[in-house]
Amino acid sequence: MSKSPSPVSVLDAQCPSRLVLDRIADKWTALIIQLLSKKTMRYAELHREIGGISQKMLTQTLRSLERDGLVERQVYPVVPPRVEYSLSRLGRTLIAPLRALCRWSEKHLAELQANRARAKAKRDGAENN
């Protein structure tokens, strides 16, 4: 009798869904998805819009997103070559959840910063005693 497959769960250390969670929970992925949800963009546009991302990290993230089928890369046969990135059908399914996460982080930023400041003050006070 064959063993039935175990259910997919990111809580299971051996489940490949963890790799998916790693990809979509990455900050650069979230920012790229946000930008591409608005329009198709070229590499230089993405690089300009995403503050703090290195060219190496942008290239690696775009390649990973393309490999996973979340982003489509279109190369136009012109000189110099023109390359555009857009969300795939699968990538578009991430727009709503990632937008919600971004809105949540913006909405609760002040509260999170205040909590961090209190924790730091408490830790600094304990270290001085």
C-alpha atoms as a PDB file:
ATOM      1  CA  MET A   1       0.000   0.000   0.000  1.00  0.00           C
ATOM      2  CA  SER A   2       1.427   3.397  -0.949  1.00  0.00           C
ATOM      3  CA  LYS A   3       1.867   6.079   1.620  1.00  0.00           C
ATOM      4  CA  SER A   4      -0.345   9.125   1.048  1.00  0.00           C
ATOM      5  CA  PRO A   5       1.498  12.409   0.654  1.00  0.00           C
ATOM      6  CA  SER A   6       1.722  14.536   3.764  1.00  0.00           C
ATOM      7  CA  PRO A   7      -0.206  17.809   3.716  1.00  0.00           C
ATOM      8  CA  VAL A   8       1.630  20.969   2.694  1.00  0.00           C
ATOM      9  CA  SER A   9       2.632  22.997   5.752  1.00  0.00           C
ATOM     10  CA  VAL A  10       5.199  25.757   6.178  1.00  0.00           C
ATOM     11  CA  LEU A  11       5.531  24.578   9.781  1.00  0.00           C
ATOM     12  CA  ASP A  12       7.062  21.295   8.591  1.00  0.00           C
ATOM     13  CA  ALA A  13      10.841  21.731   8.361  1.00  0.00           C
ATOM     14  CA  GLN A  14      11.002  19.384   5.366  1.00  0.00           C
ATOM     15  CA  CYS A  15       8.174  20.988   3.384  1.00  0.00           C
ATOM     16  CA  PRO A  16       9.272  22.753   0.177  1.00  0.00           C
ATOM     17  CA  SER A  17       6.633  25.417   0.833  1.00  0.00           C
ATOM     18  CA  ARG A  18       9.205  27.019   3.121  1.00  0.00           C
ATOM     19  CA  LEU A  19      11.227  27.929   0.047  1.00  0.00           C
ATOM     20  CA  VAL A  20       8.184  29.684  -1.361  1.00  0.00           C
ATOM     21  CA  LEU A  21       7.641  31.528   1.916  1.00  0.00           C
ATOM     22  CA  ASP A  22      11.300  32.595   1.922  1.00  0.00           C
ATOM     23  CA  ARG A  23      10.870  34.036  -1.580  1.00  0.00           C
ATOM     24  CA  ILE A  24       7.634  35.963  -1.036  1.00  0.00           C
ATOM     25  CA  ALA A  25       8.486  37.128   2.484  1.00  0.00           C
ATOM     26  CA  ASP A  26      11.706  38.764   1.256  1.00  0.00           C
ATOM     27  CA  LYS A  27      11.594  42.568   1.417  1.00  0.00           C
ATOM     28  CA  TRP A  28      13.017  43.021  -2.080  1.00  0.00           C
ATOM     29  CA  THR A  29      10.411  40.656  -3.529  1.00  0.00           C
ATOM     30  CA  ALA A  30       7.613  42.591  -1.838  1.00  0.00           C
ATOM     31  CA  LEU A  31       8.901  45.890  -3.230  1.00  0.00           C
ATOM     32  CA  ILE A  32       9.376  44.531  -6.758  1.00  0.00           C
ATOM     33  CA  ILE A  33       5.880  43.017  -6.747  1.00  0.00           C
ATOM     34  CA  GLN A  34       4.478  46.371  -5.543  1.00  0.00           C
ATOM     35  CA  LEU A  35       6.145  48.253  -8.396  1.00  0.00           C
ATOM     36  CA  LEU A  36       5.306  45.720 -11.099  1.00  0.00           C
ATOM     37  CA  SER A  37       1.686  45.650  -9.927  1.00  0.00           C
ATOM     38  CA  LYS A  38       1.384  49.173 -11.339  1.00  0.00           C
ATOM     39  CA  LYS A  39       3.080  48.660 -14.706  1.00  0.00           C
ATOM     40  CA  THR A  40       5.677  46.813 -16.750  1.00  0.00           C
ATOM     41  CA  MET A  41       9.112  48.219 -15.992  1.00  0.00           C
ATOM     42  CA  ARG A  42      12.657  48.103 -17.239  1.00  0.00           C
ATOM     43  CA  TYR A  43      15.572  47.152 -15.002  1.00  0.00           C
ATOM     44  CA  ALA A  44      16.859  50.725 -14.619  1.00  0.00           C
ATOM     45  CA  GLU A  45      13.375  51.945 -13.630  1.00  0.00           C
ATOM     46  CA  LEU A  46      13.130  49.284 -10.940  1.00  0.00           C
ATOM     47  CA  HIS A  47      16.598  50.125  -9.671  1.00  0.00           C
ATOM     48  CA  ARG A  48      15.764  53.849  -9.481  1.00  0.00           C
ATOM     49  CA  GLU A  49      12.469  53.277  -7.690  1.00  0.00           C
ATOM     50  CA  ILE A  50      13.702  50.836  -5.039  1.00  0.00           C
ATOM     51  CA  GLY A  51      15.850  52.807  -2.633  1.00  0.00           C
ATOM     52  CA  GLY A  52      18.786  50.917  -1.174  1.00  0.00           C
ATOM     53  CA  ILE A  53      18.814  47.866  -3.445  1.00  0.00           C
ATOM     54  CA  SER A  54      22.117  47.012  -5.075  1.00  0.00           C
ATOM     55  CA  GLN A  55      22.279  46.011  -8.729  1.00  0.00           C
ATOM     56  CA  LYS A  56      23.442  42.545  -7.668  1.00  0.00           C
ATOM     57  CA  MET A  57      20.474  42.059  -5.320  1.00  0.00           C
ATOM     58  CA  LEU A  58      17.984  43.373  -7.891  1.00  0.00           C
ATOM     59  CA  THR A  59      19.374  40.999 -10.515  1.00  0.00           C
ATOM     60  CA  GLN A  60      19.305  38.012  -8.128  1.00  0.00           C
ATOM     61  CA  THR A  61      15.762  38.773  -6.971  1.00  0.00           C
ATOM     62  CA  LEU A  62      14.436  39.250 -10.503  1.00  0.00           C
ATOM     63  CA  ARG A  63      16.058  35.977 -11.597  1.00  0.00           C
ATOM     64  CA  SER A  64      14.508  34.125  -8.649  1.00  0.00           C
ATOM     65  CA  LEU A  65      11.090  35.634  -9.332  1.00  0.00           C
ATOM     66  CA  GLU A  66      11.365  34.692 -12.990  1.00  0.00           C
ATOM     67  CA  ARG A  67      12.492  31.143 -12.123  1.00  0.00           C
ATOM     68  CA  ASP A  68       9.509  30.764  -9.787  1.00  0.00           C
ATOM     69  CA  GLY A  69       7.131  32.014 -12.475  1.00  0.00           C
ATOM     70  CA  LEU A  70       6.120  35.170 -10.621  1.00  0.00           C
ATOM     71  CA  VAL A  71       7.758  37.623 -13.031  1.00  0.00           C
ATOM     72  CA  GLU A  72       8.016  37.499 -16.805  1.00  0.00           C
ATOM     73  CA  ARG A  73      11.053  38.890 -18.602  1.00  0.00           C
ATOM     74  CA  GLN A  74      10.584  40.139 -22.155  1.00  0.00           C
ATOM     75  CA  VAL A  75      13.691  40.782 -24.272  1.00  0.00           C
ATOM     76  CA  TYR A  76      13.226  42.888 -27.397  1.00  0.00           C
ATOM     77  CA  PRO A  77      15.667  42.259 -30.282  1.00  0.00           C
ATOM     78  CA  VAL A  78      16.898  45.822 -30.665  1.00  0.00           C
ATOM     79  CA  VAL A  79      20.298  47.419 -30.218  1.00  0.00           C
ATOM     80  CA  PRO A  80      20.938  47.967 -27.389  1.00  0.00           C
ATOM     81  CA  PRO A  81      18.673  45.160 -26.124  1.00  0.00           C
ATOM     82  CA  ARG A  82      15.563  46.308 -24.276  1.00  0.00           C
ATOM     83  CA  VAL A  83      14.345  44.140 -21.406  1.00  0.00           C
ATOM     84  CA  GLU A  84      11.060  44.616 -19.580  1.00  0.00           C
ATOM     85  CA  TYR A  85       9.700  42.924 -16.481  1.00  0.00           C
ATOM     86  CA  SER A  86       6.058  42.323 -15.655  1.00  0.00           C
ATOM     87  CA  LEU A  87       4.082  40.188 -13.255  1.00  0.00           C
ATOM     88  CA  SER A  88       2.887  36.822 -14.478  1.00  0.00           C
ATOM     89  CA  ARG A  89      -0.636  35.595 -13.810  1.00  0.00           C
ATOM     90  CA  LEU A  90       0.710  33.811 -10.724  1.00  0.00           C
ATOM     91  CA  GLY A  91       2.649  36.909  -9.628  1.00  0.00           C
ATOM     92  CA  ARG A  92      -0.503  39.016  -9.791  1.00  0.00           C
ATOM     93  CA  THR A  93      -2.074  36.779  -7.137  1.00  0.00           C
ATOM     94  CA  LEU A  94       0.464  38.230  -4.677  1.00  0.00           C
ATOM     95  CA  ILE A  95      -0.594  41.852  -5.186  1.00  0.00           C
ATOM     96  CA  ALA A  96      -3.398  41.947  -2.606  1.00  0.00           C
ATOM     97  CA  PRO A  97      -1.606  40.087   0.205  1.00  0.00           C
ATOM     98  CA  LEU A  98       1.617  42.079  -0.225  1.00  0.00           C
ATOM     99  CA  ARG A  99      -0.263  45.399  -0.455  1.00  0.00           C
ATOM    100  CA  ALA A 100      -2.035  44.543   2.777  1.00  0.00           C
ATOM    101  CA  LEU A 101       1.289  43.742   4.447  1.00  0.00           C
ATOM    102  CA  CYS A 102       2.829  47.006   3.220  1.00  0.00           C
ATOM    103  CA  ARG A 103      -0.192  49.021   4.426  1.00  0.00           C
ATOM    104  CA  TRP A 104      -0.031  47.253   7.794  1.00  0.00           C
ATOM    105  CA  SER A 105       3.663  48.093   8.212  1.00  0.00           C
ATOM    106  CA  GLU A 106       3.047  51.751   7.330  1.00  0.00           C
ATOM    107  CA  LYS A 107       0.018  52.001   9.634  1.00  0.00           C
ATOM    108  CA  HIS A 108       1.779  50.475  12.645  1.00  0.00           C
ATOM    109  CA  LEU A 109       5.261  51.934  12.114  1.00  0.00           C
ATOM    110  CA  ALA A 110       5.027  54.527  14.905  1.00  0.00           C
ATOM    111  CA  GLU A 111       3.782  51.945  17.397  1.00  0.00           C
ATOM    112  CA  LEU A 112       6.522  49.487  16.447  1.00  0.00           C
ATOM    113  CA  GLN A 113       9.191  52.180  16.734  1.00  0.00           C
ATOM    114  CA  ALA A 114       7.881  53.238  20.172  1.00  0.00           C
ATOM    115  CA  ASN A 115       7.956  49.611  21.352  1.00  0.00           C
ATOM    116  CA  ARG A 116      11.539  49.231  20.126  1.00  0.00           C
ATOM    117  CA  ALA A 117      12.567  52.447  21.882  1.00  0.00           C
ATOM    118  CA  ARG A 118      10.969  51.263  25.166  1.00  0.00           C
ATOM    119  CA  ALA A 119      12.674  47.879  24.907  1.00  0.00           C
ATOM    120  CA  LYS A 120      16.036  49.557  24.210  1.00  0.00           C
ATOM    121  CA  ALA A 121      15.617  51.943  27.157  1.00  0.00           C
ATOM    122  CA  LYS A 122      14.700  49.036  29.416  1.00  0.00           C
ATOM    123  CA  ARG A 123      17.696  47.006  28.196  1.00  0.00           C
ATOM    124  CA  ASP A 124      20.062  49.992  28.553  1.00  0.00           C
ATOM    125  CA  GLY A 125      18.734  50.643  32.079  1.00  0.00           C
ATOM    126  CA  ALA A 126      19.316  47.005  33.071  1.00  0.00           C
ATOM    127  CA  GLU A 127      22.864  47.112  31.696  1.00  0.00           C
ATOM    128  CA  ASN A 128      23.681  50.219  33.778  1.00  0.00           C
ATOM    129  CA  ASN A 129      22.532  48.644  37.049  1.00  0.00           C
END
